[in-house]
Amino acid sequence: PIVERRPFVMPEPSLDDQRSDLQRLIDACGAKGHALGLGQLAALPAF
């Protein structure tokens, strides 16, 4: 497939880990960048 579905496990934030939601998701997926649309970015905190 052109798009791969990659599982991730995201640790909860802490005082020692204050990365943004987006950066934590990128890191958890092992991605080097993102191309998320505005709707996906807006829904990310709830997700």
PDB file of all heavy atoms in Angstrom:
ATOM      1  N   PRO A   1       0.819  -1.215   0.000  1.00  0.00           N
ATOM      2  CA  PRO A   1       0.000   0.000   0.000  1.00  0.00           C
ATOM      3  C   PRO A   1       0.853   1.265   0.000  1.00  0.00           C
ATOM      4  O   PRO A   1       1.981   1.275   0.510  1.00  0.00           O
ATOM      5  CB  PRO A   1      -0.809  -0.115   1.294  1.00  0.00           C
ATOM      6  CG  PRO A   1       0.045  -0.966   2.188  1.00  0.00           C
ATOM      7  CD  PRO A   1       0.727  -1.943   1.271  1.00  0.00           C
ATOM      8  N   ILE A   2       0.318   2.316  -0.566  1.00  0.00           N
ATOM      9  CA  ILE A   2       1.009   3.605  -0.578  1.00  0.00           C
ATOM     10  C   ILE A   2       1.064   4.177   0.837  1.00  0.00           C
ATOM     11  O   ILE A   2       2.060   4.780   1.243  1.00  0.00           O
ATOM     12  CB  ILE A   2       0.300   4.580  -1.536  1.00  0.00           C
ATOM     13  CG1 ILE A   2       0.375   4.057  -2.973  1.00  0.00           C
ATOM     14  CG2 ILE A   2       0.915   5.975  -1.457  1.00  0.00           C
ATOM     15  CD1 ILE A   2      -0.383   4.902  -3.958  1.00  0.00           C
ATOM     16  N   VAL A   3      -0.015   3.966   1.594  1.00  0.00           N
ATOM     17  CA  VAL A   3      -0.088   4.450   2.972  1.00  0.00           C
ATOM     18  C   VAL A   3       0.009   3.267   3.917  1.00  0.00           C
ATOM     19  O   VAL A   3      -0.764   2.308   3.808  1.00  0.00           O
ATOM     20  CB  VAL A   3      -1.387   5.236   3.222  1.00  0.00           C
ATOM     21  CG1 VAL A   3      -1.492   5.644   4.682  1.00  0.00           C
ATOM     22  CG2 VAL A   3      -1.447   6.471   2.324  1.00  0.00           C
ATOM     23  N   GLU A   4       0.959   3.305   4.837  1.00  0.00           N
ATOM     24  CA  GLU A   4       1.165   2.227   5.814  1.00  0.00           C
ATOM     25  C   GLU A   4       0.494   2.586   7.136  1.00  0.00           C
ATOM     26  O   GLU A   4       0.546   3.739   7.575  1.00  0.00           O
ATOM     27  CB  GLU A   4       2.672   2.031   6.043  1.00  0.00           C
ATOM     28  CG  GLU A   4       3.002   1.060   7.166  1.00  0.00           C
ATOM     29  CD  GLU A   4       4.446   1.162   7.594  1.00  0.00           C
ATOM     30  OE1 GLU A   4       5.196   1.970   7.000  1.00  0.00           O
ATOM     31  OE2 GLU A   4       4.827   0.457   8.553  1.00  0.00           O
ATOM     32  N   ARG A   5      -0.126   1.594   7.758  1.00  0.00           N
ATOM     33  CA  ARG A   5      -0.749   1.786   9.070  1.00  0.00           C
ATOM     34  C   ARG A   5       0.255   1.308  10.118  1.00  0.00           C
ATOM     35  O   ARG A   5       0.496   0.120  10.261  1.00  0.00           O
ATOM     36  CB  ARG A   5      -2.046   0.986   9.141  1.00  0.00           C
ATOM     37  CG  ARG A   5      -3.015   1.403  10.201  1.00  0.00           C
ATOM     38  CD  ARG A   5      -4.359   0.753   9.942  1.00  0.00           C
ATOM     39  NE  ARG A   5      -4.213  -0.672   9.725  1.00  0.00           N
ATOM     40  CZ  ARG A   5      -4.500  -1.603  10.639  1.00  0.00           C
ATOM     41  NH1 ARG A   5      -4.933  -1.240  11.834  1.00  0.00           N
ATOM     42  NH2 ARG A   5      -4.354  -2.876  10.379  1.00  0.00           N
ATOM     43  N   ARG A   6       0.844   2.248  10.875  1.00  0.00           N
ATOM     44  CA  ARG A   6       1.913   1.910  11.810  1.00  0.00           C
ATOM     45  C   ARG A   6       1.421   2.051  13.251  1.00  0.00           C
ATOM     46  O   ARG A   6       1.008   3.134  13.679  1.00  0.00           O
ATOM     47  CB  ARG A   6       3.107   2.828  11.585  1.00  0.00           C
ATOM     48  CG  ARG A   6       4.332   2.493  12.438  1.00  0.00           C
ATOM     49  CD  ARG A   6       5.484   3.418  12.109  1.00  0.00           C
ATOM     50  NE  ARG A   6       5.910   3.275  10.708  1.00  0.00           N
ATOM     51  CZ  ARG A   6       6.875   4.031  10.166  1.00  0.00           C
ATOM     52  NH1 ARG A   6       7.497   4.960  10.896  1.00  0.00           N
ATOM     53  NH2 ARG A   6       7.205   3.854   8.902  1.00  0.00           N
ATOM     54  N   PRO A   7       1.438   0.951  14.046  1.00  0.00           N
ATOM     55  CA  PRO A   7       0.973   1.032  15.441  1.00  0.00           C
ATOM     56  C   PRO A   7       1.946   1.853  16.288  1.00  0.00           C
ATOM     57  O   PRO A   7       3.148   1.878  16.040  1.00  0.00           O
ATOM     58  CB  PRO A   7       0.940  -0.431  15.877  1.00  0.00           C
ATOM     59  CG  PRO A   7       1.926  -1.124  14.996  1.00  0.00           C
ATOM     60  CD  PRO A   7       1.882  -0.413  13.673  1.00  0.00           C
ATOM     61  N   PHE A   8       1.394   2.517  17.282  1.00  0.00           N
ATOM     62  CA  PHE A   8       2.244   3.271  18.205  1.00  0.00           C
ATOM     63  C   PHE A   8       1.693   3.173  19.618  1.00  0.00           C
ATOM     64  O   PHE A   8       0.512   2.881  19.823  1.00  0.00           O
ATOM     65  CB  PHE A   8       2.359   4.746  17.780  1.00  0.00           C
ATOM     66  CG  PHE A   8       1.073   5.522  17.892  1.00  0.00           C
ATOM     67  CD1 PHE A   8       0.623   6.017  19.117  1.00  0.00           C
ATOM     68  CD2 PHE A   8       0.308   5.791  16.761  1.00  0.00           C
ATOM     69  CE1 PHE A   8      -0.555   6.728  19.218  1.00  0.00           C
ATOM     70  CE2 PHE A   8      -0.871   6.498  16.856  1.00  0.00           C
ATOM     71  CZ  PHE A   8      -1.304   6.980  18.083  1.00  0.00           C
ATOM     72  N   VAL A   9       2.544   3.380  20.574  1.00  0.00           N
ATOM     73  CA  VAL A   9       2.157   3.516  21.980  1.00  0.00           C
ATOM     74  C   VAL A   9       2.770   4.821  22.479  1.00  0.00           C
ATOM     75  O   VAL A   9       3.987   4.985  22.472  1.00  0.00           O
ATOM     76  CB  VAL A   9       2.659   2.341  22.842  1.00  0.00           C
ATOM     77  CG1 VAL A   9       2.280   2.573  24.296  1.00  0.00           C
ATOM     78  CG2 VAL A   9       2.096   1.021  22.338  1.00  0.00           C
ATOM     79  N   MET A  10       1.922   5.745  22.877  1.00  0.00           N
ATOM     80  CA  MET A  10       2.382   7.074  23.270  1.00  0.00           C
ATOM     81  C   MET A  10       2.388   7.206  24.796  1.00  0.00           C
ATOM     82  O   MET A  10       1.348   7.055  25.441  1.00  0.00           O
ATOM     83  CB  MET A  10       1.478   8.147  22.663  1.00  0.00           C
ATOM     84  CG  MET A  10       1.969   9.565  22.897  1.00  0.00           C
ATOM     85  SD  MET A  10       0.794  10.773  22.222  1.00  0.00           S
ATOM     86  CE  MET A  10       0.753  10.269  20.505  1.00  0.00           C
ATOM     87  N   PRO A  11       3.548   7.464  25.378  1.00  0.00           N
ATOM     88  CA  PRO A  11       3.588   7.642  26.846  1.00  0.00           C
ATOM     89  C   PRO A  11       2.885   8.933  27.256  1.00  0.00           C
ATOM     90  O   PRO A  11       2.806   9.889  26.479  1.00  0.00           O
ATOM     91  CB  PRO A  11       5.086   7.699  27.144  1.00  0.00           C
ATOM     92  CG  PRO A  11       5.700   8.184  25.866  1.00  0.00           C
ATOM     93  CD  PRO A  11       4.875   7.617  24.762  1.00  0.00           C
ATOM     94  N   GLU A  12       2.378   8.946  28.467  1.00  0.00           N
ATOM     95  CA  GLU A  12       1.705  10.145  28.959  1.00  0.00           C
ATOM     96  C   GLU A  12       2.720  11.263  29.192  1.00  0.00           C
ATOM     97  O   GLU A  12       3.887  11.004  29.517  1.00  0.00           O
ATOM     98  CB  GLU A  12       0.961   9.835  30.253  1.00  0.00           C
ATOM     99  CG  GLU A  12      -0.219   8.901  30.068  1.00  0.00           C
ATOM    100  CD  GLU A  12      -1.096   8.859  31.304  1.00  0.00           C
ATOM    101  OE1 GLU A  12      -0.881   9.700  32.214  1.00  0.00           O
ATOM    102  OE2 GLU A  12      -1.983   7.997  31.360  1.00  0.00           O
ATOM    103  N   PRO A  13       2.297  12.503  29.020  1.00  0.00           N
ATOM    104  CA  PRO A  13       3.219  13.623  29.259  1.00  0.00           C
ATOM    105  C   PRO A  13       3.567  13.733  30.745  1.00  0.00           C
ATOM    106  O   PRO A  13       2.829  13.250  31.605  1.00  0.00           O
ATOM    107  CB  PRO A  13       2.426  14.837  28.781  1.00  0.00           C
ATOM    108  CG  PRO A  13       0.994  14.430  28.917  1.00  0.00           C
ATOM    109  CD  PRO A  13       0.966  12.963  28.599  1.00  0.00           C
ATOM    110  N   SER A  14       4.680  14.341  30.999  1.00  0.00           N
ATOM    111  CA  SER A  14       5.127  14.543  32.389  1.00  0.00           C
ATOM    112  C   SER A  14       5.880  15.861  32.456  1.00  0.00           C
ATOM    113  O   SER A  14       6.092  16.537  31.439  1.00  0.00           O
ATOM    114  CB  SER A  14       6.021  13.384  32.833  1.00  0.00           C
ATOM    115  OG  SER A  14       7.232  13.381  32.096  1.00  0.00           O
ATOM    116  N   LEU A  15       6.309  16.202  33.665  1.00  0.00           N
ATOM    117  CA  LEU A  15       7.093  17.436  33.808  1.00  0.00           C
ATOM    118  C   LEU A  15       8.400  17.348  33.037  1.00  0.00           C
ATOM    119  O   LEU A  15       8.953  18.368  32.592  1.00  0.00           O
ATOM    120  CB  LEU A  15       7.368  17.705  35.294  1.00  0.00           C
ATOM    121  CG  LEU A  15       6.141  18.070  36.145  1.00  0.00           C
ATOM    122  CD1 LEU A  15       6.536  18.221  37.604  1.00  0.00           C
ATOM    123  CD2 LEU A  15       5.515  19.367  35.626  1.00  0.00           C
ATOM    124  N   ASP A  16       8.889  16.127  32.864  1.00  0.00           N
ATOM    125  CA  ASP A  16      10.133  15.945  32.131  1.00  0.00           C
ATOM    126  C   ASP A  16       9.902  15.777  30.624  1.00  0.00           C
ATOM    127  O   ASP A  16      10.856  15.773  29.847  1.00  0.00           O
ATOM    128  CB  ASP A  16      10.874  14.705  32.653  1.00  0.00           C
ATOM    129  CG  ASP A  16      11.288  14.871  34.111  1.00  0.00           C
ATOM    130  OD1 ASP A  16      11.617  16.010  34.503  1.00  0.00           O
ATOM    131  OD2 ASP A  16      11.265  13.857  34.839  1.00  0.00           O
ATOM    132  N   ASP A  17       8.650  15.618  30.227  1.00  0.00           N
ATOM    133  CA  ASP A  17       8.318  15.447  28.798  1.00  0.00           C
ATOM    134  C   ASP A  17       7.197  16.404  28.452  1.00  0.00           C
ATOM    135  O   ASP A  17       6.019  16.088  28.596  1.00  0.00           O
ATOM    136  CB  ASP A  17       7.904  13.994  28.534  1.00  0.00           C
ATOM    137  CG  ASP A  17       7.584  13.754  27.059  1.00  0.00           C
ATOM    138  OD1 ASP A  17       7.785  14.676  26.240  1.00  0.00           O
ATOM    139  OD2 ASP A  17       7.134  12.640  26.722  1.00  0.00           O
ATOM    140  N   GLN A  18       7.548  17.589  28.043  1.00  0.00           N
ATOM    141  CA  GLN A  18       6.563  18.621  27.743  1.00  0.00           C
ATOM    142  C   GLN A  18       6.490  18.916  26.245  1.00  0.00           C
ATOM    143  O   GLN A  18       6.204  20.042  25.831  1.00  0.00           O
ATOM    144  CB  GLN A  18       6.891  19.886  28.530  1.00  0.00           C
ATOM    145  CG  GLN A  18       6.855  19.674  30.041  1.00  0.00           C
ATOM    146  CD  GLN A  18       6.964  20.966  30.802  1.00  0.00           C
ATOM    147  OE1 GLN A  18       6.578  22.033  30.325  1.00  0.00           O
ATOM    148  NE2 GLN A  18       7.510  20.886  32.017  1.00  0.00           N
ATOM    149  N   ARG A  19       6.723  17.883  25.415  1.00  0.00           N
ATOM    150  CA  ARG A  19       6.565  18.050  23.978  1.00  0.00           C
ATOM    151  C   ARG A  19       5.098  18.312  23.633  1.00  0.00           C
ATOM    152  O   ARG A  19       4.187  17.917  24.366  1.00  0.00           O
ATOM    153  CB  ARG A  19       7.033  16.787  23.247  1.00  0.00           C
ATOM    154  CG  ARG A  19       8.531  16.518  23.310  1.00  0.00           C
ATOM    155  CD  ARG A  19       8.849  15.141  22.747  1.00  0.00           C
ATOM    156  NE  ARG A  19       8.251  14.088  23.568  1.00  0.00           N
ATOM    157  CZ  ARG A  19       8.191  12.807  23.206  1.00  0.00           C
ATOM    158  NH1 ARG A  19       8.686  12.436  22.028  1.00  0.00           N
ATOM    159  NH2 ARG A  19       7.648  11.914  24.001  1.00  0.00           N
ATOM    160  N   SER A  20       4.866  18.959  22.510  1.00  0.00           N
ATOM    161  CA  SER A  20       3.497  19.206  22.053  1.00  0.00           C
ATOM    162  C   SER A  20       2.849  17.878  21.667  1.00  0.00           C
ATOM    163  O   SER A  20       3.534  16.870  21.420  1.00  0.00           O
ATOM    164  CB  SER A  20       3.505  20.144  20.847  1.00  0.00           C
ATOM    165  OG  SER A  20       4.115  19.505  19.725  1.00  0.00           O
ATOM    166  N   ASP A  21       1.512  17.885  21.614  1.00  0.00           N
ATOM    167  CA  ASP A  21       0.797  16.676  21.195  1.00  0.00           C
ATOM    168  C   ASP A  21       1.273  16.211  19.820  1.00  0.00           C
ATOM    169  O   ASP A  21       1.471  15.021  19.587  1.00  0.00           O
ATOM    170  CB  ASP A  21      -0.712  16.935  21.155  1.00  0.00           C
ATOM    171  CG  ASP A  21      -1.309  17.058  22.547  1.00  0.00           C
ATOM    172  OD1 ASP A  21      -0.673  16.577  23.506  1.00  0.00           O
ATOM    173  OD2 ASP A  21      -2.413  17.617  22.659  1.00  0.00           O
ATOM    174  N   LEU A  22       1.431  17.147  18.893  1.00  0.00           N
ATOM    175  CA  LEU A  22       1.847  16.794  17.542  1.00  0.00           C
ATOM    176  C   LEU A  22       3.236  16.160  17.544  1.00  0.00           C
ATOM    177  O   LEU A  22       3.456  15.133  16.902  1.00  0.00           O
ATOM    178  CB  LEU A  22       1.825  18.036  16.651  1.00  0.00           C
ATOM    179  CG  LEU A  22       2.334  17.832  15.217  1.00  0.00           C
ATOM    180  CD1 LEU A  22       1.516  16.763  14.505  1.00  0.00           C
ATOM    181  CD2 LEU A  22       2.289  19.151  14.446  1.00  0.00           C
ATOM    182  N   GLN A  23       4.169  16.749  18.264  1.00  0.00           N
ATOM    183  CA  GLN A  23       5.526  16.222  18.268  1.00  0.00           C
ATOM    184  C   GLN A  23       5.577  14.846  18.928  1.00  0.00           C
ATOM    185  O   GLN A  23       6.306  13.959  18.476  1.00  0.00           O
ATOM    186  CB  GLN A  23       6.464  17.187  18.992  1.00  0.00           C
ATOM    187  CG  GLN A  23       7.946  16.819  18.850  1.00  0.00           C
ATOM    188  CD  GLN A  23       8.377  16.768  17.388  1.00  0.00           C
ATOM    189  OE1 GLN A  23       8.193  17.726  16.661  1.00  0.00           O
ATOM    190  NE2 GLN A  23       8.957  15.646  16.970  1.00  0.00           N
ATOM    191  N   ARG A  24       4.799  14.651  19.980  1.00  0.00           N
ATOM    192  CA  ARG A  24       4.778  13.355  20.651  1.00  0.00           C
ATOM    193  C   ARG A  24       4.208  12.275  19.734  1.00  0.00           C
ATOM    194  O   ARG A  24       4.673  11.135  19.735  1.00  0.00           O
ATOM    195  CB  ARG A  24       3.974  13.452  21.949  1.00  0.00           C
ATOM    196  CG  ARG A  24       4.676  14.331  23.002  1.00  0.00           C
ATOM    197  CD  ARG A  24       3.805  14.573  24.231  1.00  0.00           C
ATOM    198  NE  ARG A  24       3.512  13.334  24.926  1.00  0.00           N
ATOM    199  CZ  ARG A  24       2.283  12.831  25.064  1.00  0.00           C
ATOM    200  NH1 ARG A  24       1.244  13.475  24.559  1.00  0.00           N
ATOM    201  NH2 ARG A  24       2.097  11.708  25.710  1.00  0.00           N
ATOM    202  N   LEU A  25       3.199  12.638  18.928  1.00  0.00           N
ATOM    203  CA  LEU A  25       2.640  11.687  17.976  1.00  0.00           C
ATOM    204  C   LEU A  25       3.651  11.361  16.881  1.00  0.00           C
ATOM    205  O   LEU A  25       3.820  10.195  16.503  1.00  0.00           O
ATOM    206  CB  LEU A  25       1.356  12.250  17.357  1.00  0.00           C
ATOM    207  CG  LEU A  25       0.683  11.377  16.284  1.00  0.00           C
ATOM    208  CD1 LEU A  25       0.263  10.028  16.877  1.00  0.00           C
ATOM    209  CD2 LEU A  25      -0.515  12.094  15.675  1.00  0.00           C
ATOM    210  N   ILE A  26       4.321  12.386  16.357  1.00  0.00           N
ATOM    211  CA  ILE A  26       5.338  12.171  15.323  1.00  0.00           C
ATOM    212  C   ILE A  26       6.435  11.247  15.842  1.00  0.00           C
ATOM    213  O   ILE A  26       6.844  10.294  15.161  1.00  0.00           O
ATOM    214  CB  ILE A  26       5.925  13.523  14.862  1.00  0.00           C
ATOM    215  CG1 ILE A  26       4.878  14.317  14.081  1.00  0.00           C
ATOM    216  CG2 ILE A  26       7.171  13.311  14.008  1.00  0.00           C
ATOM    217  CD1 ILE A  26       5.321  15.718  13.719  1.00  0.00           C
ATOM    218  N   ASP A  27       6.881  11.494  17.043  1.00  0.00           N
ATOM    219  CA  ASP A  27       7.950  10.677  17.628  1.00  0.00           C
ATOM    220  C   ASP A  27       7.479   9.253  17.878  1.00  0.00           C
ATOM    221  O   ASP A  27       8.223   8.288  17.646  1.00  0.00           O
ATOM    222  CB  ASP A  27       8.443  11.303  18.928  1.00  0.00           C
ATOM    223  CG  ASP A  27       9.158  12.632  18.700  1.00  0.00           C
ATOM    224  OD1 ASP A  27       9.552  12.893  17.550  1.00  0.00           O
ATOM    225  OD2 ASP A  27       9.293  13.399  19.673  1.00  0.00           O
ATOM    226  N   ALA A  28       6.250   9.102  18.363  1.00  0.00           N
ATOM    227  CA  ALA A  28       5.732   7.764  18.661  1.00  0.00           C
ATOM    228  C   ALA A  28       5.604   6.923  17.393  1.00  0.00           C
ATOM    229  O   ALA A  28       5.779   5.699  17.433  1.00  0.00           O
ATOM    230  CB  ALA A  28       4.376   7.879  19.357  1.00  0.00           C
ATOM    231  N   CYS A  29       5.318   7.581  16.262  1.00  0.00           N
ATOM    232  CA  CYS A  29       5.178   6.863  14.990  1.00  0.00           C
ATOM    233  C   CYS A  29       6.514   6.667  14.281  1.00  0.00           C
ATOM    234  O   CYS A  29       6.581   5.971  13.266  1.00  0.00           O
ATOM    235  CB  CYS A  29       4.226   7.618  14.068  1.00  0.00           C
ATOM    236  SG  CYS A  29       2.510   7.659  14.637  1.00  0.00           S
ATOM    237  N   GLY A  30       7.558   7.301  14.797  1.00  0.00           N
ATOM    238  CA  GLY A  30       8.853   7.205  14.136  1.00  0.00           C
ATOM    239  C   GLY A  30       8.891   7.972  12.835  1.00  0.00           C
ATOM    240  O   GLY A  30       9.655   7.625  11.920  1.00  0.00           O
ATOM    241  N   ALA A  31       8.083   9.009  12.743  1.00  0.00           N
ATOM    242  CA  ALA A  31       8.027   9.806  11.521  1.00  0.00           C
ATOM    243  C   ALA A  31       9.081  10.914  11.539  1.00  0.00           C
ATOM    244  O   ALA A  31       9.556  11.321  12.601  1.00  0.00           O
ATOM    245  CB  ALA A  31       6.628  10.424  11.364  1.00  0.00           C
ATOM    246  N   LYS A  32       9.428  11.379  10.349  1.00  0.00           N
ATOM    247  CA  LYS A  32      10.380  12.476  10.232  1.00  0.00           C
ATOM    248  C   LYS A  32       9.685  13.816  10.004  1.00  0.00           C
ATOM    249  O   LYS A  32      10.331  14.869  10.048  1.00  0.00           O
ATOM    250  CB  LYS A  32      11.347  12.198   9.085  1.00  0.00           C
ATOM    251  CG  LYS A  32      12.259  11.009   9.336  1.00  0.00           C
ATOM    252  CD  LYS A  32      13.239  10.810   8.193  1.00  0.00           C
ATOM    253  CE  LYS A  32      14.169   9.632   8.467  1.00  0.00           C
ATOM    254  NZ  LYS A  32      15.122   9.397   7.348  1.00  0.00           N
ATOM    255  N   GLY A  33       8.398  13.778   9.755  1.00  0.00           N
ATOM    256  CA  GLY A  33       7.620  14.994   9.539  1.00  0.00           C
ATOM    257  C   GLY A  33       6.158  14.631   9.404  1.00  0.00           C
ATOM    258  O   GLY A  33       5.774  13.467   9.562  1.00  0.00           O
ATOM    259  N   HIS A  34       5.320  15.626   9.119  1.00  0.00           N
ATOM    260  CA  HIS A  34       3.895  15.344   8.984  1.00  0.00           C
ATOM    261  C   HIS A  34       3.298  16.175   7.852  1.00  0.00           C
ATOM    262  O   HIS A  34       3.868  17.184   7.413  1.00  0.00           O
ATOM    263  CB  HIS A  34       3.159  15.660  10.293  1.00  0.00           C
ATOM    264  CG  HIS A  34       2.860  17.120  10.488  1.00  0.00           C
ATOM    265  ND1 HIS A  34       1.674  17.687  10.082  1.00  0.00           N
ATOM    266  CD2 HIS A  34       3.606  18.122  11.034  1.00  0.00           C
ATOM    267  CE1 HIS A  34       1.695  18.984  10.379  1.00  0.00           C
ATOM    268  NE2 HIS A  34       2.839  19.273  10.957  1.00  0.00           N
ATOM    269  N   ALA A  35       2.138  15.714   7.378  1.00  0.00           N
ATOM    270  CA  ALA A  35       1.359  16.443   6.377  1.00  0.00           C
ATOM    271  C   ALA A  35      -0.115  16.381   6.779  1.00  0.00           C
ATOM    272  O   ALA A  35      -0.988  16.123   5.955  1.00  0.00           O
ATOM    273  CB  ALA A  35       1.583  15.840   4.987  1.00  0.00           C
ATOM    274  N   LEU A  36      -0.386  16.603   8.072  1.00  0.00           N
ATOM    275  CA  LEU A  36      -1.745  16.566   8.583  1.00  0.00           C
ATOM    276  C   LEU A  36      -2.497  17.826   8.175  1.00  0.00           C
ATOM    277  O   LEU A  36      -1.949  18.925   8.187  1.00  0.00           O
ATOM    278  CB  LEU A  36      -1.737  16.443  10.113  1.00  0.00           C
ATOM    279  CG  LEU A  36      -1.057  15.198  10.702  1.00  0.00           C
ATOM    280  CD1 LEU A  36      -1.090  15.255  12.223  1.00  0.00           C
ATOM    281  CD2 LEU A  36      -1.725  13.932  10.196  1.00  0.00           C
ATOM    282  N   GLY A  37      -3.780  17.641   7.829  1.00  0.00           N
ATOM    283  CA  GLY A  37      -4.614  18.782   7.486  1.00  0.00           C
ATOM    284  C   GLY A  37      -5.061  19.535   8.717  1.00  0.00           C
ATOM    285  O   GLY A  37      -4.894  19.069   9.856  1.00  0.00           O
ATOM    286  N   LEU A  38      -5.666  20.702   8.521  1.00  0.00           N
ATOM    287  CA  LEU A  38      -6.107  21.529   9.644  1.00  0.00           C
ATOM    288  C   LEU A  38      -7.138  20.802  10.507  1.00  0.00           C
ATOM    289  O   LEU A  38      -7.129  20.912  11.737  1.00  0.00           O
ATOM    290  CB  LEU A  38      -6.690  22.846   9.127  1.00  0.00           C
ATOM    291  CG  LEU A  38      -5.683  23.823   8.483  1.00  0.00           C
ATOM    292  CD1 LEU A  38      -6.409  25.055   7.946  1.00  0.00           C
ATOM    293  CD2 LEU A  38      -4.632  24.226   9.515  1.00  0.00           C
ATOM    294  N   GLY A  39      -8.031  20.043   9.865  1.00  0.00           N
ATOM    295  CA  GLY A  39      -9.039  19.311  10.625  1.00  0.00           C
ATOM    296  C   GLY A  39      -8.422  18.251  11.514  1.00  0.00           C
ATOM    297  O   GLY A  39      -8.841  18.067  12.666  1.00  0.00           O
ATOM    298  N   GLN A  40      -7.394  17.560  10.998  1.00  0.00           N
ATOM    299  CA  GLN A  40      -6.722  16.545  11.796  1.00  0.00           C
ATOM    300  C   GLN A  40      -5.946  17.172  12.952  1.00  0.00           C
ATOM    301  O   GLN A  40      -5.913  16.635  14.052  1.00  0.00           O
ATOM    302  CB  GLN A  40      -5.768  15.744  10.907  1.00  0.00           C
ATOM    303  CG  GLN A  40      -6.470  14.876   9.865  1.00  0.00           C
ATOM    304  CD  GLN A  40      -5.471  14.208   8.934  1.00  0.00           C
ATOM    305  OE1 GLN A  40      -4.635  14.867   8.326  1.00  0.00           O
ATOM    306  NE2 GLN A  40      -5.564  12.895   8.822  1.00  0.00           N
ATOM    307  N   LEU A  41      -5.313  18.308  12.691  1.00  0.00           N
ATOM    308  CA  LEU A  41      -4.570  18.985  13.757  1.00  0.00           C
ATOM    309  C   LEU A  41      -5.509  19.459  14.862  1.00  0.00           C
ATOM    310  O   LEU A  41      -5.186  19.363  16.058  1.00  0.00           O
ATOM    311  CB  LEU A  41      -3.792  20.171  13.175  1.00  0.00           C
ATOM    312  CG  LEU A  41      -2.625  19.812  12.257  1.00  0.00           C
ATOM    313  CD1 LEU A  41      -2.050  21.065  11.599  1.00  0.00           C
ATOM    314  CD2 LEU A  41      -1.532  19.075  13.031  1.00  0.00           C
ATOM    315  N   ALA A  42      -6.685  19.963  14.464  1.00  0.00           N
ATOM    316  CA  ALA A  42      -7.645  20.453  15.459  1.00  0.00           C
ATOM    317  C   ALA A  42      -8.198  19.313  16.309  1.00  0.00           C
ATOM    318  O   ALA A  42      -8.505  19.495  17.492  1.00  0.00           O
ATOM    319  CB  ALA A  42      -8.784  21.198  14.766  1.00  0.00           C
ATOM    320  N   ALA A  43      -8.338  18.115  15.706  1.00  0.00           N
ATOM    321  CA  ALA A  43      -8.908  16.979  16.427  1.00  0.00           C
ATOM    322  C   ALA A  43      -7.863  16.189  17.205  1.00  0.00           C
ATOM    323  O   ALA A  43      -8.221  15.283  17.970  1.00  0.00           O
ATOM    324  CB  ALA A  43      -9.618  16.045  15.444  1.00  0.00           C
ATOM    325  N   LEU A  44      -6.591  16.528  17.029  1.00  0.00           N
ATOM    326  CA  LEU A  44      -5.524  15.741  17.645  1.00  0.00           C
ATOM    327  C   LEU A  44      -5.571  15.718  19.177  1.00  0.00           C
ATOM    328  O   LEU A  44      -5.415  14.642  19.773  1.00  0.00           O
ATOM    329  CB  LEU A  44      -4.165  16.244  17.152  1.00  0.00           C
ATOM    330  CG  LEU A  44      -2.938  15.494  17.666  1.00  0.00           C
ATOM    331  CD1 LEU A  44      -3.037  14.010  17.327  1.00  0.00           C
ATOM    332  CD2 LEU A  44      -1.659  16.099  17.091  1.00  0.00           C
ATOM    333  N   PRO A  45      -5.768  16.848  19.874  1.00  0.00           N
ATOM    334  CA  PRO A  45      -5.801  16.787  21.349  1.00  0.00           C
ATOM    335  C   PRO A  45      -6.848  15.819  21.881  1.00  0.00           C
ATOM    336  O   PRO A  45      -6.567  15.029  22.791  1.00  0.00           O
ATOM    337  CB  PRO A  45      -6.099  18.232  21.745  1.00  0.00           C
ATOM    338  CG  PRO A  45      -5.568  19.047  20.607  1.00  0.00           C
ATOM    339  CD  PRO A  45      -5.852  18.240  19.385  1.00  0.00           C
ATOM    340  N   ALA A  46      -8.053  15.847  21.307  1.00  0.00           N
ATOM    341  CA  ALA A  46      -9.109  14.942  21.766  1.00  0.00           C
ATOM    342  C   ALA A  46      -8.745  13.496  21.453  1.00  0.00           C
ATOM    343  O   ALA A  46      -9.008  12.584  22.255  1.00  0.00           O
ATOM    344  CB  ALA A  46     -10.440  15.309  21.104  1.00  0.00           C
ATOM    345  N   PHE A  47      -8.124  13.267  20.291  1.00  0.00           N
ATOM    346  CA  PHE A  47      -7.719  11.910  19.918  1.00  0.00           C
ATOM    347  C   PHE A  47      -6.718  11.351  20.926  1.00  0.00           C
ATOM    348  O   PHE A  47      -6.826  10.208  21.362  1.00  0.00           O
ATOM    349  CB  PHE A  47      -7.122  11.914  18.511  1.00  0.00           C
ATOM    350  CG  PHE A  47      -6.439  10.626  18.136  1.00  0.00           C
ATOM    351  CD1 PHE A  47      -7.181   9.525  17.744  1.00  0.00           C
ATOM    352  CD2 PHE A  47      -5.050  10.513  18.178  1.00  0.00           C
ATOM    353  CE1 PHE A  47      -6.564   8.328  17.400  1.00  0.00           C
ATOM    354  CE2 PHE A  47      -4.425   9.326  17.837  1.00  0.00           C
ATOM    355  CZ  PHE A  47      -5.180   8.230  17.449  1.00  0.00           C
TER     356      PHE A  47
END
